[in-house]
Amino acid sequence: MKKIILFVLISILTVSAYGECVNAGYEMYNKKGFVKGEPAVGGSPAKGVGYLDIKDITEVFKKFKQIDYVFIDTRPVDLFSECTIKGAINIPFSFAGASKLDKDVLNAKVASGKKLIFFCNSLKCYRSLNASLESKCSLGLPDDSVFWFGRG
């Protein structure tokens, strides 16, 4: 029962924290957890957050030099250890409030000219969606520095 109450409180605080930053259609995915259901809608989840689809990733590799972007794998360490995108870093995102998103670390990457591309398992895994929302809406990273790889 305590866990349910804590989850509800976190969900309420998260919606308040993201507030009007979140684009229409994305409110329902805010820290909802890993419930099987409809995949997240495509497109930018918030003003200033870029959206990448599978077809866009090829362009990402062409457009950016390896040093211009960093893929951030938001899955747990055990999944990251099994397989990830070459060169990705692991910053696990948790819906239980134990997220390791660190404003100073992310700001340092952005300040050095990096674009942050968050990804996880699929459209039904909302870790990368919420990590991109938290990075933009709560941590206040600059427009066009945060991207959500919504299909990966």
N, C-alpha and C. Protein backbone atom coordinates (compact mmCIF):
# COMPACT_ATOMS: atom_id res chain seq x y z
N MET A 1 0.82 -1.20 0.00
CA MET A 1 0.00 0.00 0.00
C MET A 1 0.87 1.26 0.00
N LYS A 2 1.96 1.22 0.80
CA LYS A 2 2.85 2.38 0.87
C LYS A 2 3.48 2.66 -0.49
N LYS A 3 3.82 1.57 -1.23
CA LYS A 3 4.42 1.75 -2.54
C LYS A 3 3.44 2.40 -3.50
N ILE A 4 2.17 2.03 -3.42
CA ILE A 4 1.15 2.61 -4.30
C ILE A 4 0.99 4.09 -4.00
N ILE A 5 0.92 4.44 -2.74
CA ILE A 5 0.78 5.84 -2.34
C ILE A 5 1.99 6.63 -2.81
N LEU A 6 3.19 6.08 -2.62
CA LEU A 6 4.42 6.74 -3.06
C LEU A 6 4.41 6.94 -4.58
N PHE A 7 4.00 5.93 -5.33
CA PHE A 7 3.94 6.02 -6.79
C PHE A 7 2.97 7.13 -7.21
N VAL A 8 1.81 7.20 -6.59
CA VAL A 8 0.82 8.23 -6.92
C VAL A 8 1.37 9.62 -6.62
N LEU A 9 2.02 9.78 -5.47
CA LEU A 9 2.61 11.08 -5.12
C LEU A 9 3.69 11.49 -6.11
N ILE A 10 4.55 10.55 -6.49
CA ILE A 10 5.61 10.84 -7.46
C ILE A 10 4.98 11.24 -8.79
N SER A 11 3.95 10.52 -9.21
CA SER A 11 3.28 10.84 -10.47
C SER A 11 2.68 12.24 -10.44
N ILE A 12 2.05 12.60 -9.34
CA ILE A 12 1.44 13.93 -9.22
C ILE A 12 2.52 15.00 -9.26
N LEU A 13 3.60 14.80 -8.51
CA LEU A 13 4.69 15.77 -8.48
C LEU A 13 5.36 15.89 -9.84
N THR A 14 5.48 14.78 -10.55
CA THR A 14 6.12 14.80 -11.86
C THR A 14 5.30 15.60 -12.85
N VAL A 15 3.99 15.39 -12.87
CA VAL A 15 3.14 16.15 -13.78
C VAL A 15 3.26 17.63 -13.46
N SER A 16 3.30 17.97 -12.16
CA SER A 16 3.46 19.36 -11.76
C SER A 16 4.82 19.89 -12.19
N ALA A 17 5.86 19.07 -12.06
CA ALA A 17 7.21 19.50 -12.41
C ALA A 17 7.34 19.76 -13.90
N TYR A 18 6.76 18.90 -14.73
CA TYR A 18 6.85 19.09 -16.17
C TYR A 18 5.87 20.16 -16.63
N GLY A 19 4.74 20.23 -15.95
CA GLY A 19 3.74 21.24 -16.21
C GLY A 19 3.42 21.44 -17.68
N GLU A 20 3.43 22.68 -18.10
CA GLU A 20 3.05 23.04 -19.46
C GLU A 20 4.16 22.77 -20.46
N CYS A 21 5.29 22.31 -20.01
CA CYS A 21 6.41 22.02 -20.90
C CYS A 21 6.10 20.86 -21.85
N VAL A 22 5.31 19.91 -21.38
CA VAL A 22 5.02 18.69 -22.14
C VAL A 22 4.01 18.97 -23.24
N ASN A 23 4.29 18.51 -24.45
CA ASN A 23 3.37 18.67 -25.57
C ASN A 23 2.14 17.80 -25.39
N ALA A 24 1.03 18.23 -25.96
CA ALA A 24 -0.23 17.49 -25.88
C ALA A 24 -0.05 16.07 -26.39
N GLY A 25 -0.65 15.13 -25.68
CA GLY A 25 -0.58 13.72 -26.05
C GLY A 25 0.48 12.96 -25.27
N TYR A 26 1.36 13.68 -24.58
CA TYR A 26 2.43 13.01 -23.84
C TYR A 26 2.21 13.00 -22.33
N GLU A 27 1.20 13.70 -21.85
CA GLU A 27 0.97 13.78 -20.41
C GLU A 27 0.80 12.39 -19.79
N MET A 28 0.17 11.49 -20.54
CA MET A 28 -0.14 10.16 -19.99
C MET A 28 1.08 9.28 -19.82
N TYR A 29 2.21 9.64 -20.42
CA TYR A 29 3.40 8.81 -20.31
C TYR A 29 4.34 9.26 -19.21
N ASN A 30 4.05 10.37 -18.58
CA ASN A 30 4.93 10.90 -17.54
C ASN A 30 5.04 9.94 -16.37
N LYS A 31 6.16 9.27 -16.31
CA LYS A 31 6.49 8.37 -15.20
C LYS A 31 5.38 7.37 -14.91
N LYS A 32 4.70 6.91 -15.94
CA LYS A 32 3.62 5.93 -15.77
C LYS A 32 4.16 4.54 -15.49
N GLY A 33 5.41 4.28 -15.78
CA GLY A 33 5.95 2.95 -15.57
C GLY A 33 5.84 2.11 -16.81
N PHE A 34 6.10 0.87 -16.68
CA PHE A 34 6.21 -0.01 -17.82
C PHE A 34 4.95 -0.84 -17.97
N VAL A 35 3.86 -0.19 -18.26
CA VAL A 35 2.58 -0.85 -18.43
C VAL A 35 2.44 -1.25 -19.89
N LYS A 36 2.10 -2.49 -20.14
CA LYS A 36 1.89 -2.91 -21.52
C LYS A 36 0.67 -2.20 -22.05
N GLY A 37 0.80 -1.69 -23.23
CA GLY A 37 -0.32 -0.96 -23.81
C GLY A 37 0.11 -0.31 -25.10
N GLU A 38 -0.51 0.77 -25.39
CA GLU A 38 -0.22 1.48 -26.63
C GLU A 38 1.18 2.08 -26.59
N PRO A 39 1.87 2.04 -27.73
CA PRO A 39 3.17 2.70 -27.78
C PRO A 39 3.00 4.21 -27.69
N ALA A 40 4.05 4.87 -27.27
CA ALA A 40 4.03 6.32 -27.20
C ALA A 40 3.83 6.88 -28.60
N VAL A 41 3.16 8.01 -28.66
CA VAL A 41 2.94 8.65 -29.96
C VAL A 41 4.27 9.16 -30.49
N GLY A 42 4.37 9.33 -31.80
CA GLY A 42 5.59 9.86 -32.40
C GLY A 42 5.61 11.37 -32.34
N GLY A 43 6.76 11.94 -32.51
CA GLY A 43 6.90 13.39 -32.52
C GLY A 43 7.57 13.89 -31.26
N SER A 44 7.80 15.17 -31.22
CA SER A 44 8.49 15.79 -30.09
C SER A 44 7.61 15.77 -28.84
N PRO A 45 8.15 15.25 -27.73
CA PRO A 45 7.36 15.19 -26.50
C PRO A 45 7.27 16.52 -25.76
N ALA A 46 8.14 17.48 -26.10
CA ALA A 46 8.14 18.77 -25.41
C ALA A 46 8.82 19.81 -26.28
N LYS A 47 8.47 21.06 -26.07
CA LYS A 47 9.11 22.15 -26.81
C LYS A 47 10.62 22.09 -26.55
N GLY A 48 11.38 22.08 -27.63
CA GLY A 48 12.83 22.07 -27.50
C GLY A 48 13.45 20.68 -27.45
N VAL A 49 12.61 19.64 -27.50
CA VAL A 49 13.12 18.27 -27.52
C VAL A 49 12.92 17.71 -28.93
N GLY A 50 14.01 17.31 -29.57
CA GLY A 50 13.91 16.74 -30.90
C GLY A 50 13.45 15.30 -30.86
N TYR A 51 12.79 14.86 -31.90
CA TYR A 51 12.32 13.48 -32.00
C TYR A 51 13.06 12.77 -33.12
N LEU A 52 13.56 11.59 -32.86
CA LEU A 52 14.25 10.78 -33.86
C LEU A 52 13.54 9.46 -34.04
N ASP A 53 13.29 9.10 -35.27
CA ASP A 53 12.70 7.82 -35.62
C ASP A 53 13.82 6.95 -36.19
N ILE A 54 13.55 5.69 -36.45
CA ILE A 54 14.58 4.80 -36.98
C ILE A 54 15.21 5.36 -38.25
N LYS A 55 14.38 5.88 -39.13
CA LYS A 55 14.91 6.42 -40.40
C LYS A 55 15.83 7.61 -40.15
N ASP A 56 15.63 8.31 -39.03
CA ASP A 56 16.45 9.48 -38.72
C ASP A 56 17.84 9.12 -38.20
N ILE A 57 17.99 7.93 -37.64
CA ILE A 57 19.27 7.56 -37.02
C ILE A 57 20.39 7.52 -38.06
N THR A 58 20.11 7.03 -39.24
CA THR A 58 21.12 7.03 -40.30
C THR A 58 21.58 8.45 -40.57
N GLU A 59 20.62 9.37 -40.61
CA GLU A 59 20.96 10.77 -40.83
C GLU A 59 21.75 11.35 -39.67
N VAL A 60 21.44 10.90 -38.45
CA VAL A 60 22.18 11.36 -37.29
C VAL A 60 23.66 11.03 -37.46
N PHE A 61 23.92 9.80 -37.86
CA PHE A 61 25.31 9.39 -38.04
C PHE A 61 25.99 10.18 -39.16
N LYS A 62 25.23 10.57 -40.18
CA LYS A 62 25.80 11.37 -41.27
C LYS A 62 25.95 12.83 -40.85
N LYS A 63 24.94 13.36 -40.15
CA LYS A 63 24.89 14.78 -39.82
C LYS A 63 25.89 15.17 -38.73
N PHE A 64 25.93 14.36 -37.70
CA PHE A 64 26.81 14.68 -36.58
C PHE A 64 28.08 13.86 -36.69
N LYS A 65 29.17 14.44 -36.29
CA LYS A 65 30.40 13.67 -36.13
C LYS A 65 30.24 12.89 -34.83
N GLN A 66 31.00 11.85 -34.67
CA GLN A 66 30.92 11.03 -33.45
C GLN A 66 31.09 11.90 -32.20
N ILE A 67 31.90 12.94 -32.30
CA ILE A 67 32.15 13.76 -31.12
C ILE A 67 31.04 14.79 -30.86
N ASP A 68 30.09 14.93 -31.77
CA ASP A 68 29.05 15.94 -31.62
C ASP A 68 27.81 15.46 -30.86
N TYR A 69 27.69 14.18 -30.65
CA TYR A 69 26.51 13.67 -29.95
C TYR A 69 26.91 12.55 -29.02
N VAL A 70 26.03 12.26 -28.08
CA VAL A 70 26.23 11.13 -27.20
C VAL A 70 24.88 10.41 -27.04
N PHE A 71 24.92 9.11 -27.28
CA PHE A 71 23.74 8.30 -27.03
C PHE A 71 23.71 7.96 -25.55
N ILE A 72 22.55 8.16 -24.92
CA ILE A 72 22.38 7.86 -23.50
C ILE A 72 21.37 6.73 -23.38
N ASP A 73 21.88 5.57 -22.97
CA ASP A 73 21.06 4.37 -22.77
C ASP A 73 20.43 4.47 -21.39
N THR A 74 19.11 4.59 -21.33
CA THR A 74 18.41 4.80 -20.07
C THR A 74 17.96 3.51 -19.40
N ARG A 75 18.35 2.38 -19.98
CA ARG A 75 17.95 1.07 -19.44
C ARG A 75 18.82 0.72 -18.23
N PRO A 76 18.39 -0.27 -17.43
CA PRO A 76 19.19 -0.71 -16.28
C PRO A 76 20.56 -1.23 -16.73
N VAL A 77 21.50 -1.21 -15.81
CA VAL A 77 22.89 -1.60 -16.08
C VAL A 77 22.99 -2.99 -16.70
N ASP A 78 22.19 -3.95 -16.21
CA ASP A 78 22.30 -5.32 -16.73
C ASP A 78 21.95 -5.38 -18.22
N LEU A 79 20.94 -4.64 -18.66
CA LEU A 79 20.58 -4.61 -20.08
C LEU A 79 21.63 -3.87 -20.90
N PHE A 80 22.15 -2.79 -20.35
CA PHE A 80 23.21 -2.03 -21.02
C PHE A 80 24.44 -2.92 -21.22
N SER A 81 24.77 -3.72 -20.21
CA SER A 81 25.95 -4.60 -20.28
C SER A 81 25.80 -5.67 -21.35
N GLU A 82 24.57 -6.11 -21.58
CA GLU A 82 24.31 -7.15 -22.58
C GLU A 82 24.52 -6.64 -24.00
N CYS A 83 24.00 -5.44 -24.29
CA CYS A 83 24.05 -4.91 -25.65
C CYS A 83 23.62 -3.45 -25.63
N THR A 84 24.31 -2.62 -26.40
CA THR A 84 23.92 -1.22 -26.52
C THR A 84 24.47 -0.66 -27.82
N ILE A 85 24.21 0.59 -28.09
CA ILE A 85 24.77 1.28 -29.26
C ILE A 85 26.23 1.59 -28.96
N LYS A 86 27.09 1.33 -29.92
CA LYS A 86 28.52 1.57 -29.74
C LYS A 86 28.77 3.02 -29.30
N GLY A 87 29.51 3.17 -28.22
CA GLY A 87 29.86 4.49 -27.71
C GLY A 87 28.84 5.10 -26.76
N ALA A 88 27.70 4.42 -26.55
CA ALA A 88 26.67 4.96 -25.65
C ALA A 88 27.15 4.92 -24.21
N ILE A 89 26.61 5.85 -23.42
CA ILE A 89 26.85 5.82 -21.98
C ILE A 89 25.55 5.39 -21.31
N ASN A 90 25.68 4.83 -20.13
CA ASN A 90 24.52 4.33 -19.41
C ASN A 90 24.17 5.27 -18.26
N ILE A 91 22.99 5.87 -18.34
CA ILE A 91 22.44 6.64 -17.22
C ILE A 91 21.04 6.09 -17.00
N PRO A 92 20.92 5.06 -16.14
CA PRO A 92 19.61 4.42 -15.94
C PRO A 92 18.55 5.40 -15.45
N PHE A 93 17.38 5.30 -16.02
CA PHE A 93 16.26 6.13 -15.59
C PHE A 93 15.30 5.25 -14.82
N SER A 94 14.87 5.74 -13.66
CA SER A 94 13.97 4.96 -12.83
C SER A 94 12.70 5.74 -12.57
N PHE A 95 11.59 5.04 -12.57
CA PHE A 95 10.31 5.66 -12.27
C PHE A 95 10.07 5.74 -10.77
N ALA A 96 10.96 5.17 -9.98
CA ALA A 96 10.79 5.16 -8.53
C ALA A 96 11.50 6.35 -7.89
N GLY A 97 11.89 7.31 -8.70
CA GLY A 97 12.53 8.51 -8.16
C GLY A 97 14.03 8.37 -7.97
N ALA A 98 14.60 7.24 -8.39
CA ALA A 98 16.02 7.02 -8.21
C ALA A 98 16.80 7.28 -9.49
N SER A 99 16.27 8.15 -10.33
CA SER A 99 16.92 8.46 -11.59
C SER A 99 18.30 9.06 -11.34
N LYS A 100 19.23 8.68 -12.19
CA LYS A 100 20.59 9.18 -12.03
C LYS A 100 20.89 10.33 -13.00
N LEU A 101 19.83 10.94 -13.55
CA LEU A 101 20.05 12.09 -14.42
C LEU A 101 20.65 13.20 -13.57
N ASP A 102 21.80 13.65 -13.94
CA ASP A 102 22.53 14.64 -13.17
C ASP A 102 22.68 15.90 -14.01
N LYS A 103 22.10 16.98 -13.54
CA LYS A 103 22.10 18.23 -14.30
C LYS A 103 23.52 18.67 -14.65
N ASP A 104 24.45 18.57 -13.70
CA ASP A 104 25.82 19.01 -13.96
C ASP A 104 26.49 18.18 -15.04
N VAL A 105 26.30 16.85 -14.98
CA VAL A 105 26.89 15.96 -15.99
C VAL A 105 26.31 16.26 -17.37
N LEU A 106 24.98 16.35 -17.45
CA LEU A 106 24.33 16.61 -18.73
C LEU A 106 24.68 18.00 -19.26
N ASN A 107 24.70 19.01 -18.38
CA ASN A 107 25.08 20.36 -18.80
C ASN A 107 26.51 20.41 -19.31
N ALA A 108 27.41 19.65 -18.68
CA ALA A 108 28.80 19.61 -19.13
C ALA A 108 28.89 19.04 -20.54
N LYS A 109 28.11 18.02 -20.83
CA LYS A 109 28.10 17.43 -22.16
C LYS A 109 27.56 18.43 -23.19
N VAL A 110 26.48 19.12 -22.82
CA VAL A 110 25.89 20.12 -23.72
C VAL A 110 26.87 21.29 -23.92
N ALA A 111 27.51 21.73 -22.84
CA ALA A 111 28.46 22.85 -22.92
C ALA A 111 29.64 22.51 -23.82
N SER A 112 29.98 21.22 -23.89
CA SER A 112 31.09 20.81 -24.76
C SER A 112 30.63 20.58 -26.20
N GLY A 113 29.38 20.97 -26.49
CA GLY A 113 28.87 20.88 -27.86
C GLY A 113 28.16 19.60 -28.21
N LYS A 114 27.88 18.77 -27.25
CA LYS A 114 27.23 17.48 -27.51
C LYS A 114 25.71 17.63 -27.59
N LYS A 115 25.12 16.84 -28.47
CA LYS A 115 23.67 16.66 -28.52
C LYS A 115 23.38 15.38 -27.76
N LEU A 116 22.38 15.38 -26.89
CA LEU A 116 22.05 14.21 -26.08
C LEU A 116 20.91 13.45 -26.73
N ILE A 117 21.13 12.17 -27.02
CA ILE A 117 20.11 11.33 -27.65
C ILE A 117 19.76 10.20 -26.68
N PHE A 118 18.56 10.29 -26.08
CA PHE A 118 18.12 9.30 -25.10
C PHE A 118 17.40 8.15 -25.81
N PHE A 119 17.73 6.92 -25.39
CA PHE A 119 17.04 5.75 -25.95
C PHE A 119 16.88 4.68 -24.88
N CYS A 120 15.95 3.73 -25.16
CA CYS A 120 15.76 2.57 -24.28
C CYS A 120 15.38 1.38 -25.16
N ASN A 121 14.39 0.59 -24.75
CA ASN A 121 14.05 -0.64 -25.48
C ASN A 121 13.14 -0.44 -26.67
N SER A 122 12.09 0.32 -26.50
CA SER A 122 11.07 0.43 -27.55
C SER A 122 10.10 1.54 -27.20
N LEU A 123 9.06 1.66 -28.02
CA LEU A 123 8.02 2.65 -27.75
C LEU A 123 7.24 2.37 -26.48
N LYS A 124 7.25 1.13 -26.04
CA LYS A 124 6.49 0.78 -24.84
C LYS A 124 7.35 0.83 -23.58
N CYS A 125 8.59 1.23 -23.74
CA CYS A 125 9.48 1.47 -22.60
C CYS A 125 9.61 2.98 -22.51
N TYR A 126 9.07 3.57 -21.48
CA TYR A 126 9.00 5.02 -21.40
C TYR A 126 10.19 5.67 -20.70
N ARG A 127 11.26 4.91 -20.48
CA ARG A 127 12.43 5.48 -19.80
C ARG A 127 13.03 6.65 -20.58
N SER A 128 13.33 6.42 -21.86
CA SER A 128 13.99 7.48 -22.63
C SER A 128 13.07 8.67 -22.86
N LEU A 129 11.79 8.41 -23.02
CA LEU A 129 10.81 9.50 -23.16
C LEU A 129 10.85 10.38 -21.92
N ASN A 130 10.76 9.77 -20.75
CA ASN A 130 10.76 10.53 -19.51
C ASN A 130 12.12 11.16 -19.22
N ALA A 131 13.20 10.50 -19.60
CA ALA A 131 14.53 11.08 -19.41
C ALA A 131 14.68 12.35 -20.25
N SER A 132 14.17 12.31 -21.48
CA SER A 132 14.25 13.51 -22.33
C SER A 132 13.36 14.62 -21.76
N LEU A 133 12.16 14.26 -21.27
CA LEU A 133 11.28 15.25 -20.66
C LEU A 133 11.91 15.86 -19.41
N GLU A 134 12.48 15.00 -18.56
CA GLU A 134 13.10 15.50 -17.34
C GLU A 134 14.29 16.40 -17.66
N SER A 135 15.09 16.00 -18.66
CA SER A 135 16.26 16.79 -19.02
C SER A 135 15.88 18.18 -19.51
N LYS A 136 14.82 18.25 -20.30
CA LYS A 136 14.39 19.54 -20.85
C LYS A 136 13.52 20.31 -19.86
N CYS A 137 12.48 19.67 -19.35
CA CYS A 137 11.47 20.38 -18.56
C CYS A 137 11.88 20.63 -17.11
N SER A 138 12.57 19.68 -16.49
CA SER A 138 12.94 19.83 -15.09
C SER A 138 14.36 20.35 -14.91
N LEU A 139 15.29 19.84 -15.71
CA LEU A 139 16.68 20.26 -15.58
C LEU A 139 16.97 21.51 -16.41
N GLY A 140 16.09 21.83 -17.37
CA GLY A 140 16.22 23.07 -18.12
C GLY A 140 17.35 23.11 -19.14
N LEU A 141 17.68 21.97 -19.72
CA LEU A 141 18.73 21.98 -20.74
C LEU A 141 18.25 22.80 -21.95
N PRO A 142 19.19 23.38 -22.69
CA PRO A 142 18.82 24.26 -23.80
C PRO A 142 18.05 23.54 -24.92
N ASP A 143 17.23 24.32 -25.63
CA ASP A 143 16.52 23.80 -26.81
C ASP A 143 17.52 23.19 -27.79
N ASP A 144 17.07 22.17 -28.48
CA ASP A 144 17.86 21.51 -29.53
C ASP A 144 19.13 20.83 -29.03
N SER A 145 19.21 20.58 -27.73
CA SER A 145 20.34 19.79 -27.21
C SER A 145 19.88 18.42 -26.76
N VAL A 146 18.56 18.24 -26.64
CA VAL A 146 17.97 16.99 -26.15
C VAL A 146 17.13 16.36 -27.26
N PHE A 147 17.39 15.06 -27.50
CA PHE A 147 16.64 14.31 -28.50
C PHE A 147 16.12 13.02 -27.89
N TRP A 148 14.94 12.61 -28.35
CA TRP A 148 14.36 11.34 -27.91
C TRP A 148 14.32 10.42 -29.12
N PHE A 149 15.06 9.30 -29.03
CA PHE A 149 15.02 8.27 -30.06
C PHE A 149 13.82 7.41 -29.73
N GLY A 150 12.66 7.80 -30.26
CA GLY A 150 11.39 7.23 -29.87
C GLY A 150 11.10 5.83 -30.33
N ARG A 151 11.92 5.29 -31.18
CA ARG A 151 11.65 3.95 -31.68
C ARG A 151 12.73 2.96 -31.26
N GLY A 152 13.58 3.38 -30.37
CA GLY A 152 14.69 2.48 -30.03
C GLY A 152 14.95 2.35 -28.59
